[in-house]
Protein backbone atom coordinates (compact mmCIF):
# COMPACT_ATOMS: atom_id res chain seq x y z
CA MET A 1 -8.09 13.56 -5.58
CA ASN A 2 -10.62 10.96 -6.64
CA LYS A 3 -11.39 9.58 -10.09
CA ALA A 4 -14.04 12.23 -10.83
CA ASP A 5 -11.55 15.01 -9.98
CA MET A 6 -8.97 13.35 -12.21
CA VAL A 7 -11.41 13.13 -15.11
CA ARG A 8 -12.38 16.80 -14.67
CA GLU A 9 -8.73 17.96 -14.64
CA ILE A 10 -7.74 15.88 -17.67
CA ALA A 11 -10.81 17.06 -19.59
CA SER A 12 -10.03 20.72 -18.92
CA ALA A 13 -6.33 20.25 -19.79
CA THR A 14 -6.92 18.36 -23.04
CA GLY A 15 -10.16 19.85 -24.34
CA MET A 16 -11.74 16.39 -24.50
CA THR A 17 -15.23 15.86 -23.11
CA ARG A 18 -15.63 14.36 -19.65
CA GLU A 19 -17.30 11.31 -21.20
CA GLU A 20 -14.31 10.68 -23.49
CA VAL A 21 -11.85 11.10 -20.64
CA GLN A 22 -13.96 8.82 -18.42
CA VAL A 23 -13.69 6.04 -21.03
CA VAL A 24 -9.91 6.50 -21.27
CA VAL A 25 -9.33 6.61 -17.50
CA ASN A 26 -11.51 3.54 -16.95
CA GLY A 27 -9.63 1.78 -19.75
CA VAL A 28 -6.25 2.53 -18.16
CA PHE A 29 -7.38 1.29 -14.76
CA GLU A 30 -8.91 -1.84 -16.28
CA SER A 31 -5.70 -2.54 -18.22
CA ILE A 32 -3.63 -2.28 -15.04
CA ARG A 33 -6.09 -4.51 -13.18
CA GLU A 34 -6.07 -7.16 -15.92
CA ALA A 35 -2.27 -7.13 -16.18
CA LEU A 36 -1.93 -7.64 -12.44
CA LEU A 37 -4.36 -10.55 -12.55
CA LYS A 38 -2.47 -12.17 -15.45
CA ASN A 39 1.21 -11.72 -14.64
CA GLY A 40 1.39 -9.49 -11.59
CA HIS A 41 3.56 -6.65 -12.95
CA VAL A 42 2.94 -3.23 -14.53
CA GLU A 43 5.80 -0.75 -14.86
CA ILE A 44 5.22 2.88 -15.83
CA ARG A 45 8.61 4.53 -16.30
CA GLY A 46 9.02 7.69 -14.26
CA PHE A 47 5.92 6.93 -12.19
CA GLY A 48 6.24 3.53 -10.55
CA THR A 49 5.54 -0.18 -10.55
CA PHE A 50 2.38 -2.05 -9.66
CA LYS A 51 2.90 -5.69 -8.73
CA VAL A 52 1.33 -8.51 -6.79
CA SER A 53 3.07 -9.52 -3.56
CA GLU A 54 2.43 -12.58 -1.47
CA ARG A 55 1.87 -12.24 2.26
CA ALA A 56 2.72 -15.25 4.37
CA GLU A 57 0.37 -16.86 6.86
CA ARG A 58 0.70 -15.20 10.27
CA LYS A 59 -0.67 -15.16 13.78
CA ALA A 60 -2.94 -12.31 14.83
CA VAL A 61 -4.64 -11.37 18.08
CA ASN A 62 -8.19 -10.08 18.37
CA PRO A 63 -7.77 -7.06 20.67
CA GLN A 64 -11.26 -7.39 22.16
CA THR A 65 -11.15 -11.08 23.08
CA LEU A 66 -7.34 -11.58 23.07
CA GLU A 67 -8.01 -14.69 21.01
CA THR A 68 -5.10 -15.82 18.82
CA MET A 69 -5.97 -16.77 15.24
CA MET A 70 -4.16 -17.57 12.03
CA VAL A 71 -4.51 -15.14 9.13
CA PRO A 72 -4.18 -17.13 5.90
CA ALA A 73 -1.60 -16.36 3.23
CA LYS A 74 -2.84 -14.08 0.47
CA LYS A 75 -1.81 -12.05 -2.55
CA VAL A 76 -2.11 -8.26 -2.45
CA PRO A 77 -1.49 -5.54 -5.05
CA THR A 78 1.33 -3.14 -4.18
CA PHE A 79 2.74 0.07 -5.67
CA HIS A 80 6.35 1.21 -5.55
CA ALA A 81 7.02 4.77 -6.70
CA ALA A 82 9.85 5.37 -9.15
CA LYS A 83 12.97 7.01 -7.76
CA SER A 84 12.54 10.05 -10.02
CA PHE A 85 8.95 10.41 -8.81
CA LYS A 86 9.90 10.09 -5.11
CA ASN A 87 12.64 12.72 -5.51
CA LYS A 88 10.03 15.34 -6.51
CA PHE A 89 8.78 15.47 -2.90
């Protein structure tokens, strides 16, 4: 499912127009993005937690040239599903 599919499903389930749902969905994603940039943590009970994790610097090997290089440390967004959500599968 992509964002357009999500908007279509929500619009048909709620009776809202696709344009209204598009604004809401974009707003939710933007809120999550901004929260992660500010403090690195968004928790949605029953669904999961978005947070920013730090990856340490590490060695990597280019498989074509077998050259060893250092990959710098970086921050990456991660998602951990809630236990109640995982148990549905």
